[in-house]
Amino acid sequence: MSSDVVDEQGSSPTLVGGHYHLKAGDIDPELNKKIEEIVLSTKDFIVYVDSEQAVQWRTTDHHKMPEYCGEVLNTVAALEAKSQFISAPQTLRVVRRRIAEGLARCLDGYPRENSFAIMREVEFELKIRNKEISWKWYFLSAMTLTAVLVISFAALWLLRDQARACVGAAAFEVILGTICGALGALLSVMSRSNRLIMDANAGKALHQLEGLSRIGAGLIGALLVALSIKAGIILGGIRFSGNPQALLFAFCIVAGTSERLVPSLIATFERNATPKTQP
């Protein structure tokens, strides 16, 4: 049995345990949630989005749940979890409202397909938005670091006489070659973008770290190749009629791009460093 109560301002009474009287801005007395937007309210159930942009619902004892309601509730929970990456409250509210609409159709006795049709639409939209945001975090961090390194390359090249005098000609070329590895790494990231598997729900920091680490790996690979060329391990004794610096830079870009060049070079080092056993 419900009873009448008066709110703190002494406004008109509400019904404890009831829901058909609730409106946006009210506190649900049973769930203790502030209602942001009501999706559907009948005498037997209510579905709404609360102030934290979560889907909330409850029913009366007289409400008869459809047989497929458990599937819908599981889908609602999954879609809420998949939409956690959305940081804009207004955008998240729109997405959660659409999820709530699918649940409302279920509780209102619509056929199963009516509920799952809107759920599939929401899931498809979340996949697109998830990919968009993930790529933005990942590529922006990688491109920002690469842009800084390219500017550094240009500055060093303009001041090449002073830089060579400061660190030496060989070290100067190794430094420039290492920076070229960032271009190769960025090229690798962009050319394989369709094969990247990312989830924005993992967070912005993780995507940025992954983008930076990919460029970092390209730099390390290019450094190893540049040192190997200078040491004569690669191209040692080969006559080349072109510009040696251009050849070094090209190899360093390839080192940043290739996933096989640096590992094969490391394997060569290991074979040469490991003493051969006599039979």
C-alpha atoms as a PDB file:
ATOM      1  CA  MET A   1       0.000   0.000   0.000  1.00  0.00           C
ATOM      2  CA  SER A   2       1.342   3.454  -0.863  1.00  0.00           C
ATOM      3  CA  SER A   3       1.170   6.442   1.443  1.00  0.00           C
ATOM      4  CA  ASP A   4       1.225  10.212   0.920  1.00  0.00           C
ATOM      5  CA  VAL A   5       4.321  12.242   1.777  1.00  0.00           C
ATOM      6  CA  VAL A   6       5.251  15.891   1.417  1.00  0.00           C
ATOM      7  CA  ASP A   7       8.637  17.014   0.015  1.00  0.00           C
ATOM      8  CA  GLU A   8      10.999  19.416   1.797  1.00  0.00           C
ATOM      9  CA  GLN A   9       9.483  22.482   0.120  1.00  0.00           C
ATOM     10  CA  GLY A  10       5.979  21.461   1.175  1.00  0.00           C
ATOM     11  CA  SER A  11       4.835  20.935  -2.396  1.00  0.00           C
ATOM     12  CA  SER A  12       2.043  18.672  -3.495  1.00  0.00           C
ATOM     13  CA  PRO A  13       2.180  15.096  -2.157  1.00  0.00           C
ATOM     14  CA  THR A  14       3.717  12.206  -4.041  1.00  0.00           C
ATOM     15  CA  LEU A  15       3.177   8.486  -3.752  1.00  0.00           C
ATOM     16  CA  VAL A  16       5.905   6.450  -2.059  1.00  0.00           C
ATOM     17  CA  GLY A  17       6.694   3.428  -4.221  1.00  0.00           C
ATOM     18  CA  GLY A  18       4.639   4.762  -7.141  1.00  0.00           C
ATOM     19  CA  HIS A  19       6.174   5.994 -10.351  1.00  0.00           C
ATOM     20  CA  TYR A  20       3.463   7.343 -12.641  1.00  0.00           C
ATOM     21  CA  HIS A  21       3.655  10.703 -10.867  1.00  0.00           C
ATOM     22  CA  LEU A  22       7.432  11.128 -11.415  1.00  0.00           C
ATOM     23  CA  LYS A  23       8.828  13.680 -13.852  1.00  0.00           C
ATOM     24  CA  ALA A  24      12.226  14.973 -14.979  1.00  0.00           C
ATOM     25  CA  GLY A  25      14.132  16.477 -12.055  1.00  0.00           C
ATOM     26  CA  ASP A  26      12.419  14.309  -9.407  1.00  0.00           C
ATOM     27  CA  ILE A  27      14.179  11.816  -7.154  1.00  0.00           C
ATOM     28  CA  ASP A  28      12.974   8.254  -7.608  1.00  0.00           C
ATOM     29  CA  PRO A  29      12.066   7.282  -4.008  1.00  0.00           C
ATOM     30  CA  GLU A  30      12.696   3.585  -4.631  1.00  0.00           C
ATOM     31  CA  LEU A  31      15.978   3.716  -6.565  1.00  0.00           C
ATOM     32  CA  ASN A  32      17.148   7.034  -5.071  1.00  0.00           C
ATOM     33  CA  LYS A  33      18.134   8.292  -8.530  1.00  0.00           C
ATOM     34  CA  LYS A  34      17.544  11.756  -9.939  1.00  0.00           C
ATOM     35  CA  ILE A  35      15.540  11.544 -13.144  1.00  0.00           C
ATOM     36  CA  GLU A  36      17.155  13.310 -16.092  1.00  0.00           C
ATOM     37  CA  GLU A  37      14.689  12.216 -18.755  1.00  0.00           C
ATOM     38  CA  ILE A  38      11.702   9.869 -18.663  1.00  0.00           C
ATOM     39  CA  VAL A  39      11.557   7.533 -21.648  1.00  0.00           C
ATOM     40  CA  LEU A  40       8.275   5.792 -20.849  1.00  0.00           C
ATOM     41  CA  SER A  41       6.080   5.704 -17.766  1.00  0.00           C
ATOM     42  CA  THR A  42       2.902   3.639 -17.384  1.00  0.00           C
ATOM     43  CA  LYS A  43       0.945   2.403 -14.390  1.00  0.00           C
ATOM     44  CA  ASP A  44       2.981  -0.831 -14.438  1.00  0.00           C
ATOM     45  CA  PHE A  45       6.548   0.336 -15.127  1.00  0.00           C
ATOM     46  CA  ILE A  46       8.883   3.275 -15.686  1.00  0.00           C
ATOM     47  CA  VAL A  47      12.059   3.603 -17.761  1.00  0.00           C
ATOM     48  CA  TYR A  48      14.239   6.688 -17.519  1.00  0.00           C
ATOM     49  CA  VAL A  49      17.766   8.059 -17.816  1.00  0.00           C
ATOM     50  CA  ASP A  50      19.124   9.339 -14.516  1.00  0.00           C
ATOM     51  CA  SER A  51      21.382  12.322 -13.831  1.00  0.00           C
ATOM     52  CA  GLU A  52      24.472  10.110 -14.278  1.00  0.00           C
ATOM     53  CA  GLN A  53      23.251   9.138 -17.770  1.00  0.00           C
ATOM     54  CA  ALA A  54      22.496   5.557 -16.694  1.00  0.00           C
ATOM     55  CA  VAL A  55      19.416   3.616 -17.781  1.00  0.00           C
ATOM     56  CA  GLN A  56      17.071   2.954 -14.837  1.00  0.00           C
ATOM     57  CA  TRP A  57      13.817   1.016 -14.707  1.00  0.00           C
ATOM     58  CA  ARG A  58      11.410  -0.633 -12.314  1.00  0.00           C
ATOM     59  CA  THR A  59       8.052  -2.339 -12.462  1.00  0.00           C
ATOM     60  CA  THR A  60       5.079  -3.004 -10.208  1.00  0.00           C
ATOM     61  CA  ASP A  61       4.109  -6.437  -8.924  1.00  0.00           C
ATOM     62  CA  HIS A  62       1.317  -6.523 -11.499  1.00  0.00           C
ATOM     63  CA  HIS A  63       3.629  -6.143 -14.485  1.00  0.00           C
ATOM     64  CA  LYS A  64       4.178  -9.276 -16.566  1.00  0.00           C
ATOM     65  CA  MET A  65       7.666  -9.557 -18.017  1.00  0.00           C
ATOM     66  CA  PRO A  66       7.988 -10.820 -21.626  1.00  0.00           C
ATOM     67  CA  GLU A  67       9.872 -14.093 -22.025  1.00  0.00           C
ATOM     68  CA  TYR A  68      12.720 -12.384 -23.857  1.00  0.00           C
ATOM     69  CA  CYS A  69      13.154  -9.642 -21.243  1.00  0.00           C
ATOM     70  CA  GLY A  70      16.294 -11.299 -19.844  1.00  0.00           C
ATOM     71  CA  GLU A  71      17.988 -11.078 -23.247  1.00  0.00           C
ATOM     72  CA  VAL A  72      17.060  -7.423 -23.531  1.00  0.00           C
ATOM     73  CA  LEU A  73      18.372  -6.615 -20.060  1.00  0.00           C
ATOM     74  CA  ASN A  74      21.672  -8.343 -20.862  1.00  0.00           C
ATOM     75  CA  THR A  75      21.933  -6.319 -24.075  1.00  0.00           C
ATOM     76  CA  VAL A  76      21.149  -3.104 -22.213  1.00  0.00           C
ATOM     77  CA  ALA A  77      23.942  -3.790 -19.721  1.00  0.00           C
ATOM     78  CA  ALA A  78      26.387  -4.634 -22.535  1.00  0.00           C
ATOM     79  CA  LEU A  79      25.571  -1.487 -24.507  1.00  0.00           C
ATOM     80  CA  GLU A  80      25.919   0.685 -21.413  1.00  0.00           C
ATOM     81  CA  ALA A  81      29.369  -0.787 -20.831  1.00  0.00           C
ATOM     82  CA  LYS A  82      30.349  -0.289 -24.485  1.00  0.00           C
ATOM     83  CA  SER A  83      29.300   3.374 -24.381  1.00  0.00           C
ATOM     84  CA  GLN A  84      31.435   4.321 -21.364  1.00  0.00           C
ATOM     85  CA  PHE A  85      34.076   5.900 -23.601  1.00  0.00           C
ATOM     86  CA  ILE A  86      31.720   8.761 -24.537  1.00  0.00           C
ATOM     87  CA  SER A  87      32.769  11.739 -22.411  1.00  0.00           C
ATOM     88  CA  ALA A  88      30.322  14.380 -23.664  1.00  0.00           C
ATOM     89  CA  PRO A  89      27.279  14.242 -21.328  1.00  0.00           C
ATOM     90  CA  GLN A  90      24.808  15.336 -23.992  1.00  0.00           C
ATOM     91  CA  THR A  91      26.033  12.746 -26.490  1.00  0.00           C
ATOM     92  CA  LEU A  92      26.035  10.024 -23.851  1.00  0.00           C
ATOM     93  CA  ARG A  93      22.517  10.993 -22.840  1.00  0.00           C
ATOM     94  CA  VAL A  94      21.254  10.560 -26.411  1.00  0.00           C
ATOM     95  CA  VAL A  95      22.877   7.135 -26.677  1.00  0.00           C
ATOM     96  CA  ARG A  96      21.570   5.979 -23.298  1.00  0.00           C
ATOM     97  CA  ARG A  97      18.088   7.247 -24.164  1.00  0.00           C
ATOM     98  CA  ARG A  98      18.037   5.092 -27.272  1.00  0.00           C
ATOM     99  CA  ILE A  99      19.132   2.093 -25.216  1.00  0.00           C
ATOM    100  CA  ALA A 100      16.334   2.863 -22.767  1.00  0.00           C
ATOM    101  CA  GLU A 101      13.838   3.047 -25.640  1.00  0.00           C
ATOM    102  CA  GLY A 102      14.687  -0.535 -26.570  1.00  0.00           C
ATOM    103  CA  LEU A 103      14.084  -1.618 -22.985  1.00  0.00           C
ATOM    104  CA  ALA A 104      10.826   0.332 -22.832  1.00  0.00           C
ATOM    105  CA  ARG A 105       9.538  -1.469 -25.922  1.00  0.00           C
ATOM    106  CA  CYS A 106      10.264  -4.769 -24.226  1.00  0.00           C
ATOM    107  CA  LEU A 107       8.514  -3.851 -20.974  1.00  0.00           C
ATOM    108  CA  ASP A 108       5.566  -2.474 -22.926  1.00  0.00           C
ATOM    109  CA  GLY A 109       4.987  -5.852 -24.552  1.00  0.00           C
ATOM    110  CA  TYR A 110       6.174  -5.138 -28.084  1.00  0.00           C
ATOM    111  CA  PRO A 111       7.454  -8.090 -30.158  1.00  0.00           C
ATOM    112  CA  ARG A 112      11.030  -9.165 -29.506  1.00  0.00           C
ATOM    113  CA  GLU A 113      12.320  -7.843 -32.833  1.00  0.00           C
ATOM    114  CA  ASN A 114      11.122  -4.311 -32.032  1.00  0.00           C
ATOM    115  CA  SER A 115      13.431  -4.104 -29.021  1.00  0.00           C
ATOM    116  CA  PHE A 116      16.437  -5.717 -30.650  1.00  0.00           C
ATOM    117  CA  ALA A 117      16.126  -3.611 -33.802  1.00  0.00           C
ATOM    118  CA  ILE A 118      16.911  -0.428 -31.893  1.00  0.00           C
ATOM    119  CA  MET A 119      19.609  -2.232 -29.875  1.00  0.00           C
ATOM    120  CA  ARG A 120      21.379  -3.237 -33.094  1.00  0.00           C
ATOM    121  CA  GLU A 121      21.227   0.325 -34.354  1.00  0.00           C
ATOM    122  CA  VAL A 122      22.797   1.592 -31.121  1.00  0.00           C
ATOM    123  CA  GLU A 123      25.510  -1.077 -31.240  1.00  0.00           C
ATOM    124  CA  PHE A 124      26.386  -0.211 -34.841  1.00  0.00           C
ATOM    125  CA  GLU A 125      26.588   3.484 -34.000  1.00  0.00           C
ATOM    126  CA  LEU A 126      28.783   2.758 -30.967  1.00  0.00           C
ATOM    127  CA  LYS A 127      31.201   0.724 -33.087  1.00  0.00           C
ATOM    128  CA  ILE A 128      31.630   3.611 -35.514  1.00  0.00           C
ATOM    129  CA  ARG A 129      32.024   6.202 -32.770  1.00  0.00           C
ATOM    130  CA  ASN A 130      34.388   3.930 -30.810  1.00  0.00           C
ATOM    131  CA  LYS A 131      36.631   3.507 -33.844  1.00  0.00           C
ATOM    132  CA  GLU A 132      36.553   7.222 -34.580  1.00  0.00           C
ATOM    133  CA  ILE A 133      37.606   8.229 -31.068  1.00  0.00           C
ATOM    134  CA  SER A 134      40.188   5.436 -30.749  1.00  0.00           C
ATOM    135  CA  TRP A 135      41.853   6.454 -34.007  1.00  0.00           C
ATOM    136  CA  LYS A 136      41.800  10.093 -32.994  1.00  0.00           C
ATOM    137  CA  TRP A 137      43.641   9.387 -29.734  1.00  0.00           C
ATOM    138  CA  TYR A 138      46.070   6.933 -31.304  1.00  0.00           C
ATOM    139  CA  PHE A 139      46.973   8.762 -34.506  1.00  0.00           C
ATOM    140  CA  LEU A 140      47.018  12.227 -32.973  1.00  0.00           C
ATOM    141  CA  SER A 141      49.628  11.191 -30.410  1.00  0.00           C
ATOM    142  CA  ALA A 142      51.738   9.449 -33.061  1.00  0.00           C
ATOM    143  CA  MET A 143      51.495  12.359 -35.504  1.00  0.00           C
ATOM    144  CA  THR A 144      52.242  14.959 -32.838  1.00  0.00           C
ATOM    145  CA  LEU A 145      55.466  13.236 -31.792  1.00  0.00           C
ATOM    146  CA  THR A 146      56.471  12.706 -35.419  1.00  0.00           C
ATOM    147  CA  ALA A 147      55.816  16.380 -36.224  1.00  0.00           C
ATOM    148  CA  VAL A 148      58.058  17.463 -33.344  1.00  0.00           C
ATOM    149  CA  LEU A 149      60.806  15.147 -34.575  1.00  0.00           C
ATOM    150  CA  VAL A 150      60.492  16.360 -38.168  1.00  0.00           C
ATOM    151  CA  ILE A 151      60.847  19.958 -36.984  1.00  0.00           C
ATOM    152  CA  SER A 152      63.918  18.875 -35.012  1.00  0.00           C
ATOM    153  CA  PHE A 153      65.304  17.225 -38.148  1.00  0.00           C
ATOM    154  CA  ALA A 154      64.800  20.441 -40.148  1.00  0.00           C
ATOM    155  CA  ALA A 155      66.435  22.541 -37.434  1.00  0.00           C
ATOM    156  CA  LEU A 156      69.430  20.211 -37.207  1.00  0.00           C
ATOM    157  CA  TRP A 157      69.812  20.187 -40.981  1.00  0.00           C
ATOM    158  CA  LEU A 158      69.774  23.982 -41.168  1.00  0.00           C
ATOM    159  CA  LEU A 159      72.390  24.091 -38.423  1.00  0.00           C
ATOM    160  CA  ARG A 160      74.313  21.082 -39.760  1.00  0.00           C
ATOM    161  CA  ASP A 161      77.711  22.780 -39.768  1.00  0.00           C
ATOM    162  CA  GLN A 162      77.441  23.726 -36.123  1.00  0.00           C
ATOM    163  CA  ALA A 163      75.923  20.332 -35.198  1.00  0.00           C
ATOM    164  CA  ARG A 164      78.681  18.393 -36.963  1.00  0.00           C
ATOM    165  CA  ALA A 165      81.303  20.468 -35.187  1.00  0.00           C
ATOM    166  CA  CYS A 166      79.610  19.795 -31.865  1.00  0.00           C
ATOM    167  CA  VAL A 167      78.940  16.029 -32.010  1.00  0.00           C
ATOM    168  CA  GLY A 168      80.960  14.873 -34.996  1.00  0.00           C
ATOM    169  CA  ALA A 169      79.925  13.970 -38.543  1.00  0.00           C
ATOM    170  CA  ALA A 170      79.156  10.289 -37.832  1.00  0.00           C
ATOM    171  CA  ALA A 171      77.052  11.004 -34.743  1.00  0.00           C
ATOM    172  CA  PHE A 172      75.208  13.763 -36.570  1.00  0.00           C
ATOM    173  CA  GLU A 173      74.186  11.388 -39.370  1.00  0.00           C
ATOM    174  CA  VAL A 174      73.129   8.728 -36.854  1.00  0.00           C
ATOM    175  CA  ILE A 175      70.912  11.265 -35.073  1.00  0.00           C
ATOM    176  CA  LEU A 176      69.231  12.336 -38.295  1.00  0.00           C
ATOM    177  CA  GLY A 177      68.824   8.719 -39.374  1.00  0.00           C
ATOM    178  CA  THR A 178      67.197   7.882 -36.042  1.00  0.00           C
ATOM    179  CA  ILE A 179      64.670  10.687 -36.533  1.00  0.00           C
ATOM    180  CA  CYS A 180      63.863   9.266 -39.971  1.00  0.00           C
ATOM    181  CA  GLY A 181      62.694   6.135 -38.193  1.00  0.00           C
ATOM    182  CA  ALA A 182      59.720   8.116 -36.849  1.00  0.00           C
ATOM    183  CA  LEU A 183      58.549   8.775 -40.416  1.00  0.00           C
ATOM    184  CA  GLY A 184      58.759   5.076 -41.172  1.00  0.00           C
ATOM    185  CA  ALA A 185      56.856   4.180 -38.029  1.00  0.00           C
ATOM    186  CA  LEU A 186      54.102   6.687 -38.833  1.00  0.00           C
ATOM    187  CA  LEU A 187      53.881   5.297 -42.371  1.00  0.00           C
ATOM    188  CA  SER A 188      53.540   1.798 -40.931  1.00  0.00           C
ATOM    189  CA  VAL A 189      50.803   2.893 -38.521  1.00  0.00           C
ATOM    190  CA  MET A 190      48.801   4.669 -41.200  1.00  0.00           C
ATOM    191  CA  SER A 191      49.117   1.937 -43.836  1.00  0.00           C
ATOM    192  CA  ARG A 192      47.894  -0.721 -41.394  1.00  0.00           C
ATOM    193  CA  SER A 193      45.122   1.317 -39.808  1.00  0.00           C
ATOM    194  CA  ASN A 194      42.368  -1.031 -41.021  1.00  0.00           C
ATOM    195  CA  ARG A 195      43.992  -3.918 -39.161  1.00  0.00           C
ATOM    196  CA  LEU A 196      44.289  -2.103 -35.864  1.00  0.00           C
ATOM    197  CA  ILE A 197      42.034  -3.416 -33.113  1.00  0.00           C
ATOM    198  CA  MET A 198      41.334  -0.708 -30.547  1.00  0.00           C
ATOM    199  CA  ASP A 199      38.671  -0.046 -27.954  1.00  0.00           C
ATOM    200  CA  ALA A 200      38.008   3.482 -26.730  1.00  0.00           C
ATOM    201  CA  ASN A 201      36.721   2.067 -23.444  1.00  0.00           C
ATOM    202  CA  ALA A 202      40.350   1.269 -22.589  1.00  0.00           C
ATOM    203  CA  GLY A 203      40.886   5.002 -22.122  1.00  0.00           C
ATOM    204  CA  LYS A 204      42.623   7.888 -23.824  1.00  0.00           C
ATOM    205  CA  ALA A 205      45.937   7.461 -21.981  1.00  0.00           C
ATOM    206  CA  LEU A 206      46.414   3.874 -23.174  1.00  0.00           C
ATOM    207  CA  HIS A 207      45.764   4.798 -26.808  1.00  0.00           C
ATOM    208  CA  GLN A 208      48.176   7.723 -26.605  1.00  0.00           C
ATOM    209  CA  LEU A 209      50.816   5.513 -24.987  1.00  0.00           C
ATOM    210  CA  GLU A 210      50.390   2.912 -27.731  1.00  0.00           C
ATOM    211  CA  GLY A 211      50.750   5.553 -30.449  1.00  0.00           C
ATOM    212  CA  LEU A 212      53.873   7.004 -28.826  1.00  0.00           C
ATOM    213  CA  SER A 213      55.387   3.568 -28.240  1.00  0.00           C
ATOM    214  CA  ARG A 214      54.966   2.688 -31.927  1.00  0.00           C
ATOM    215  CA  ILE A 215      56.924   5.787 -32.927  1.00  0.00           C
ATOM    216  CA  GLY A 216      59.457   5.017 -30.197  1.00  0.00           C
ATOM    217  CA  ALA A 217      59.951   1.524 -31.604  1.00  0.00           C
ATOM    218  CA  GLY A 218      60.592   3.044 -35.038  1.00  0.00           C
ATOM    219  CA  LEU A 219      63.210   5.373 -33.562  1.00  0.00           C
ATOM    220  CA  ILE A 220      65.030   2.528 -31.820  1.00  0.00           C
ATOM    221  CA  GLY A 221      64.978   0.386 -34.971  1.00  0.00           C
ATOM    222  CA  ALA A 222      66.314   3.254 -37.067  1.00  0.00           C
ATOM    223  CA  LEU A 223      69.066   3.902 -34.511  1.00  0.00           C
ATOM    224  CA  LEU A 224      70.162   0.284 -34.708  1.00  0.00           C
ATOM    225  CA  VAL A 225      70.229   0.367 -38.516  1.00  0.00           C
ATOM    226  CA  ALA A 226      72.104   3.683 -38.616  1.00  0.00           C
ATOM    227  CA  LEU A 227      74.761   2.358 -36.229  1.00  0.00           C
ATOM    228  CA  SER A 228      75.015  -0.869 -38.242  1.00  0.00           C
ATOM    229  CA  ILE A 229      75.597   1.061 -41.464  1.00  0.00           C
ATOM    230  CA  LYS A 230      78.223   3.236 -39.815  1.00  0.00           C
ATOM    231  CA  ALA A 231      79.890   0.139 -38.359  1.00  0.00           C
ATOM    232  CA  GLY A 232      79.965  -1.544 -41.770  1.00  0.00           C
ATOM    233  CA  ILE A 233      77.695  -4.417 -40.723  1.00  0.00           C
ATOM    234  CA  ILE A 234      75.156  -3.336 -43.313  1.00  0.00           C
ATOM    235  CA  LEU A 235      76.357  -2.312 -46.792  1.00  0.00           C
ATOM    236  CA  GLY A 236      79.940  -2.821 -45.698  1.00  0.00           C
ATOM    237  CA  GLY A 237      82.288  -2.780 -48.671  1.00  0.00           C
ATOM    238  CA  ILE A 238      79.504  -1.966 -51.166  1.00  0.00           C
ATOM    239  CA  ARG A 239      80.263   0.795 -53.657  1.00  0.00           C
ATOM    240  CA  PHE A 240      77.472   3.322 -54.016  1.00  0.00           C
ATOM    241  CA  SER A 241      77.458   6.118 -56.583  1.00  0.00           C
ATOM    242  CA  GLY A 242      74.691   8.145 -54.931  1.00  0.00           C
ATOM    243  CA  ASN A 243      74.579  10.208 -51.757  1.00  0.00           C
ATOM    244  CA  PRO A 244      75.553   8.075 -48.718  1.00  0.00           C
ATOM    245  CA  GLN A 245      73.439  10.213 -46.375  1.00  0.00           C
ATOM    246  CA  ALA A 246      70.357   9.711 -48.509  1.00  0.00           C
ATOM    247  CA  LEU A 247      70.963   5.948 -48.490  1.00  0.00           C
ATOM    248  CA  LEU A 248      71.292   5.938 -44.687  1.00  0.00           C
ATOM    249  CA  PHE A 249      68.098   7.970 -44.267  1.00  0.00           C
ATOM    250  CA  ALA A 250      66.223   5.646 -46.644  1.00  0.00           C
ATOM    251  CA  PHE A 251      67.315   2.562 -44.726  1.00  0.00           C
ATOM    252  CA  CYS A 252      66.319   4.206 -41.448  1.00  0.00           C
ATOM    253  CA  ILE A 253      62.830   4.975 -42.771  1.00  0.00           C
ATOM    254  CA  VAL A 254      62.508   1.360 -43.889  1.00  0.00           C
ATOM    255  CA  ALA A 255      63.666   0.253 -40.437  1.00  0.00           C
ATOM    256  CA  GLY A 256      60.870   2.256 -38.839  1.00  0.00           C
ATOM    257  CA  THR A 257      58.326   0.760 -41.248  1.00  0.00           C
ATOM    258  CA  SER A 258      59.426  -2.843 -41.490  1.00  0.00           C
ATOM    259  CA  GLU A 259      58.578  -5.438 -38.871  1.00  0.00           C
ATOM    260  CA  ARG A 260      61.208  -7.854 -40.206  1.00  0.00           C
ATOM    261  CA  LEU A 261      64.317  -5.776 -40.927  1.00  0.00           C
ATOM    262  CA  VAL A 262      65.261  -5.004 -37.323  1.00  0.00           C
ATOM    263  CA  PRO A 263      64.554  -8.526 -35.964  1.00  0.00           C
ATOM    264  CA  SER A 264      66.621 -10.048 -38.776  1.00  0.00           C
ATOM    265  CA  LEU A 265      69.422  -7.597 -37.999  1.00  0.00           C
ATOM    266  CA  ILE A 266      69.298  -8.553 -34.325  1.00  0.00           C
ATOM    267  CA  ALA A 267      69.426 -12.229 -35.306  1.00  0.00           C
ATOM    268  CA  THR A 268      72.546 -11.481 -37.362  1.00  0.00           C
ATOM    269  CA  PHE A 269      74.155  -9.845 -34.334  1.00  0.00           C
ATOM    270  CA  GLU A 270      73.326 -12.884 -32.207  1.00  0.00           C
ATOM    271  CA  ARG A 271      74.813 -15.304 -34.714  1.00  0.00           C
ATOM    272  CA  ASN A 272      78.015 -13.285 -34.983  1.00  0.00           C
ATOM    273  CA  ALA A 273      78.286 -12.803 -31.206  1.00  0.00           C
ATOM    274  CA  THR A 274      77.661 -16.452 -30.325  1.00  0.00           C
ATOM    275  CA  PRO A 275      80.870 -18.544 -30.473  1.00  0.00           C
ATOM    276  CA  LYS A 276      80.593 -21.540 -32.753  1.00  0.00           C
ATOM    277  CA  THR A 277      81.137 -24.908 -31.055  1.00  0.00           C
ATOM    278  CA  GLN A 278      83.718 -27.208 -32.528  1.00  0.00           C
ATOM    279  CA  PRO A 279      82.424 -30.627 -33.609  1.00  0.00           C
END
